[in-house]
Amino acid sequence: MPPADDFSEAAKIAHRAFIDMSSSKNAYFNRLAAIDAIYQAGGAPSLAENLELEKLLAIHDKNVLAFKTAIDAVTDDMEKQALFQLMS
């Protein structure tokens, strides 16, 4: 499997989009877990906490769309397979 630096420009963009998507997913779930831990004993998240989660989810949704668009732009099947291997 070639290193990411050897990929076409389209594959490099898809790889960066995958990293961004993974990061935004982690940010959302980490914040969700932190809020959940605060309120395990009772109570409910504040409006500000819910808005923060909505913002993080919107960022992740944007990153998912960017990744889908970027991966669709990779036309070489072998390169796409190598990219999927790198991402797994």
Protein backbone atom coordinates (compact mmCIF):
# COMPACT_ATOMS: atom_id res chain seq x y z
CA MET A 1 0.00 0.00 0.00
CA PRO A 2 1.49 3.36 -0.98
CA PRO A 3 1.90 6.07 1.64
CA ALA A 4 -0.64 8.90 1.50
CA ASP A 5 2.02 11.20 -0.01
CA ASP A 6 2.11 9.00 -3.14
CA PHE A 7 -1.62 9.34 -3.83
CA SER A 8 -3.17 11.53 -6.49
CA GLU A 9 -4.36 14.96 -5.46
CA ALA A 10 -7.98 13.69 -5.35
CA ALA A 11 -7.00 10.82 -3.03
CA LYS A 12 -5.01 13.17 -0.79
CA ILE A 13 -8.06 15.41 -0.49
CA ALA A 14 -10.23 12.37 0.33
CA HIS A 15 -7.72 11.22 2.95
CA ARG A 16 -7.69 14.69 4.56
CA ALA A 17 -11.51 14.72 4.47
CA PHE A 18 -11.53 11.33 6.20
CA ILE A 19 -9.24 12.66 8.94
CA ASP A 20 -11.47 15.72 9.38
CA MET A 21 -14.58 13.52 9.51
CA SER A 22 -13.00 11.23 12.11
CA SER A 23 -11.91 14.20 14.21
CA SER A 24 -15.35 15.80 14.17
CA LYS A 25 -16.97 12.48 15.08
CA ASN A 26 -14.60 12.10 18.02
CA ALA A 27 -15.21 15.69 19.15
CA TYR A 28 -18.97 15.16 19.11
CA PHE A 29 -18.94 11.82 20.93
CA ASN A 30 -16.34 12.95 23.48
CA ARG A 31 -18.42 16.01 24.36
CA LEU A 32 -21.60 13.92 24.45
CA ALA A 33 -19.94 11.46 26.84
CA ALA A 34 -18.69 14.30 29.06
CA ILE A 35 -22.15 15.84 29.25
CA ASP A 36 -23.70 12.44 29.89
CA ALA A 37 -21.26 11.84 32.76
CA ILE A 38 -22.24 15.14 34.36
CA TYR A 39 -25.93 14.28 34.34
CA GLN A 40 -25.84 10.55 35.12
CA ALA A 41 -27.08 11.22 38.64
CA GLY A 42 -29.97 13.31 37.35
CA GLY A 43 -30.78 16.56 35.71
CA ALA A 44 -30.59 17.50 32.10
CA PRO A 45 -28.12 19.29 29.86
CA SER A 46 -28.48 23.05 29.62
CA LEU A 47 -29.57 24.89 26.51
CA ALA A 48 -25.94 25.94 25.96
CA GLU A 49 -24.75 22.33 26.18
CA ASN A 50 -27.42 21.18 23.72
CA LEU A 51 -26.49 24.01 21.34
CA GLU A 52 -22.84 23.02 21.61
CA LEU A 53 -23.74 19.44 20.67
CA GLU A 54 -25.85 20.67 17.74
CA LYS A 55 -22.92 22.77 16.52
CA LEU A 56 -20.52 19.82 16.78
CA LEU A 57 -22.98 17.58 14.96
CA ALA A 58 -23.45 20.16 12.19
CA ILE A 59 -19.67 20.32 11.74
CA HIS A 60 -19.54 16.54 11.54
CA ASP A 61 -22.40 16.45 9.02
CA LYS A 62 -20.49 18.94 6.86
CA ASN A 63 -17.36 16.79 7.12
CA VAL A 64 -19.27 13.63 6.16
CA LEU A 65 -20.57 15.35 3.03
CA ALA A 66 -17.09 16.64 2.19
CA PHE A 67 -15.68 13.13 2.56
CA LYS A 68 -18.38 11.61 0.37
CA THR A 69 -17.75 14.22 -2.30
CA ALA A 70 -13.98 13.73 -2.06
CA ILE A 71 -14.06 9.93 -2.17
CA ASP A 72 -16.40 10.03 -5.16
CA ALA A 73 -13.78 12.15 -6.96
CA VAL A 74 -11.18 9.37 -6.67
CA THR A 75 -11.64 7.56 -9.97
CA ASP A 76 -8.83 5.02 -9.86
CA ASP A 77 -10.24 1.84 -8.29
CA MET A 78 -6.88 0.53 -7.08
CA GLU A 79 -6.06 3.87 -5.50
CA LYS A 80 -9.48 3.96 -3.87
CA GLN A 81 -8.90 0.44 -2.44
CA ALA A 82 -5.50 1.50 -1.08
CA LEU A 83 -7.10 4.58 0.43
CA PHE A 84 -9.77 2.48 2.16
CA GLN A 85 -7.06 0.20 3.53
CA LEU A 86 -5.16 3.21 4.86
CA MET A 87 -8.32 4.49 6.54
CA SER A 88 -9.18 1.20 8.24
